[in-house]
Amino acid sequence: MGTETRTKKGFTLTFVDLDKFTEPLEKWMYCAYGMGGDVQLLRRLPDTTRECVSEYTKTPYGNYDIRTICR
């Protein structure tokens, strides 16, 4: 469903044509954090959302900073 692109500092995941997979259902963003998903966040996205891009940047501690933008 998504495309992965490697970068110098990590990688990027791009999800496009979200309508193709979810029409006419609602669109949601789900994130889990911690060992086994101890913290879970959910957020409904606007119905007009067509694309989400997540940038994963490796930190000095071995984990990733994640930035997601949906349009």
C-alpha atoms as a PDB file:
ATOM      1  CA  MET A   1       0.000   0.000   0.000  1.00  0.00           C
ATOM      2  CA  GLY A   2       2.850   2.430   0.744  1.00  0.00           C
ATOM      3  CA  THR A   3       6.195   3.170  -0.875  1.00  0.00           C
ATOM      4  CA  GLU A   4       9.450   3.197   1.100  1.00  0.00           C
ATOM      5  CA  THR A   5      12.385   5.424   0.145  1.00  0.00           C
ATOM      6  CA  ARG A   6      15.738   5.256   1.958  1.00  0.00           C
ATOM      7  CA  THR A   7      17.373   8.530   2.993  1.00  0.00           C
ATOM      8  CA  LYS A   8      20.783   9.356   4.533  1.00  0.00           C
ATOM      9  CA  LYS A   9      19.263   9.636   8.001  1.00  0.00           C
ATOM     10  CA  GLY A  10      16.506   7.007   7.804  1.00  0.00           C
ATOM     11  CA  PHE A  11      13.627   6.436   5.432  1.00  0.00           C
ATOM     12  CA  THR A  12      10.332   7.875   4.173  1.00  0.00           C
ATOM     13  CA  LEU A  13       7.007   6.065   3.766  1.00  0.00           C
ATOM     14  CA  THR A  14       4.495   7.568   1.334  1.00  0.00           C
ATOM     15  CA  PHE A  15       0.856   6.548   1.120  1.00  0.00           C
ATOM     16  CA  VAL A  16      -1.066   8.027  -1.832  1.00  0.00           C
ATOM     17  CA  ASP A  17      -4.503   7.534  -3.376  1.00  0.00           C
ATOM     18  CA  LEU A  18      -6.036   6.898   0.041  1.00  0.00           C
ATOM     19  CA  ASP A  19      -9.500   7.150  -1.505  1.00  0.00           C
ATOM     20  CA  LYS A  20      -8.750   4.030  -3.538  1.00  0.00           C
ATOM     21  CA  PHE A  21      -8.525   1.944  -0.356  1.00  0.00           C
ATOM     22  CA  THR A  22     -11.043   3.534   1.987  1.00  0.00           C
ATOM     23  CA  GLU A  23     -13.894   5.008  -0.058  1.00  0.00           C
ATOM     24  CA  PRO A  24     -16.486   5.594   1.361  1.00  0.00           C
ATOM     25  CA  LEU A  25     -15.202   4.710   4.854  1.00  0.00           C
ATOM     26  CA  GLU A  26     -13.636   7.178   7.278  1.00  0.00           C
ATOM     27  CA  LYS A  27      -9.840   7.690   7.309  1.00  0.00           C
ATOM     28  CA  TRP A  28      -7.902   7.328  10.547  1.00  0.00           C
ATOM     29  CA  MET A  29      -4.262   7.689  11.641  1.00  0.00           C
ATOM     30  CA  TYR A  30      -3.106   5.147  14.238  1.00  0.00           C
ATOM     31  CA  CYS A  31       0.230   5.301  16.086  1.00  0.00           C
ATOM     32  CA  ALA A  32       1.570   2.948  18.767  1.00  0.00           C
ATOM     33  CA  TYR A  33       4.539   3.777  21.005  1.00  0.00           C
ATOM     34  CA  GLY A  34       6.611   1.855  23.514  1.00  0.00           C
ATOM     35  CA  MET A  35       7.214  -1.834  23.968  1.00  0.00           C
ATOM     36  CA  GLY A  36       4.132  -3.665  22.742  1.00  0.00           C
ATOM     37  CA  GLY A  37       2.273  -0.446  21.955  1.00  0.00           C
ATOM     38  CA  ASP A  38       1.942   0.766  25.547  1.00  0.00           C
ATOM     39  CA  VAL A  39       0.691   4.148  24.315  1.00  0.00           C
ATOM     40  CA  GLN A  40      -1.750   4.294  21.398  1.00  0.00           C
ATOM     41  CA  LEU A  41      -3.005   7.405  19.630  1.00  0.00           C
ATOM     42  CA  LEU A  42      -5.831   7.617  17.105  1.00  0.00           C
ATOM     43  CA  ARG A  43      -6.994  10.592  15.096  1.00  0.00           C
ATOM     44  CA  ARG A  44      -9.619  10.880  12.415  1.00  0.00           C
ATOM     45  CA  LEU A  45      -8.331  12.472   9.210  1.00  0.00           C
ATOM     46  CA  PRO A  46     -10.434  14.813   7.075  1.00  0.00           C
ATOM     47  CA  ASP A  47     -12.399  13.031   4.346  1.00  0.00           C
ATOM     48  CA  THR A  48     -10.474  15.079   1.766  1.00  0.00           C
ATOM     49  CA  THR A  49      -7.114  13.516   2.780  1.00  0.00           C
ATOM     50  CA  ARG A  50      -5.474  11.920  -0.255  1.00  0.00           C
ATOM     51  CA  GLU A  51      -1.864  11.355   0.862  1.00  0.00           C
ATOM     52  CA  CYS A  52       0.223  10.811   4.004  1.00  0.00           C
ATOM     53  CA  VAL A  53       4.017  10.984   4.163  1.00  0.00           C
ATOM     54  CA  SER A  54       5.954   9.752   7.223  1.00  0.00           C
ATOM     55  CA  GLU A  55       9.642  10.633   7.621  1.00  0.00           C
ATOM     56  CA  TYR A  56      11.646   8.393   9.958  1.00  0.00           C
ATOM     57  CA  THR A  57      14.933   9.943  11.130  1.00  0.00           C
ATOM     58  CA  LYS A  58      17.309   7.792  13.196  1.00  0.00           C
ATOM     59  CA  THR A  59      18.356   9.353  16.513  1.00  0.00           C
ATOM     60  CA  PRO A  60      21.685   8.890  18.350  1.00  0.00           C
ATOM     61  CA  TYR A  61      19.803   6.577  20.753  1.00  0.00           C
ATOM     62  CA  GLY A  62      18.967   4.021  18.050  1.00  0.00           C
ATOM     63  CA  ASN A  63      15.276   4.808  17.733  1.00  0.00           C
ATOM     64  CA  TYR A  64      13.468   7.045  15.204  1.00  0.00           C
ATOM     65  CA  ASP A  65      11.897  10.493  15.288  1.00  0.00           C
ATOM     66  CA  ILE A  66       8.778  10.252  13.138  1.00  0.00           C
ATOM     67  CA  ARG A  67       7.103  13.174  11.378  1.00  0.00           C
ATOM     68  CA  THR A  68       3.870  12.572   9.456  1.00  0.00           C
ATOM     69  CA  ILE A  69       2.113  15.031   7.175  1.00  0.00           C
ATOM     70  CA  CYS A  70      -1.239  14.260   5.568  1.00  0.00           C
ATOM     71  CA  ARG A  71      -2.747  16.323   2.773  1.00  0.00           C
END
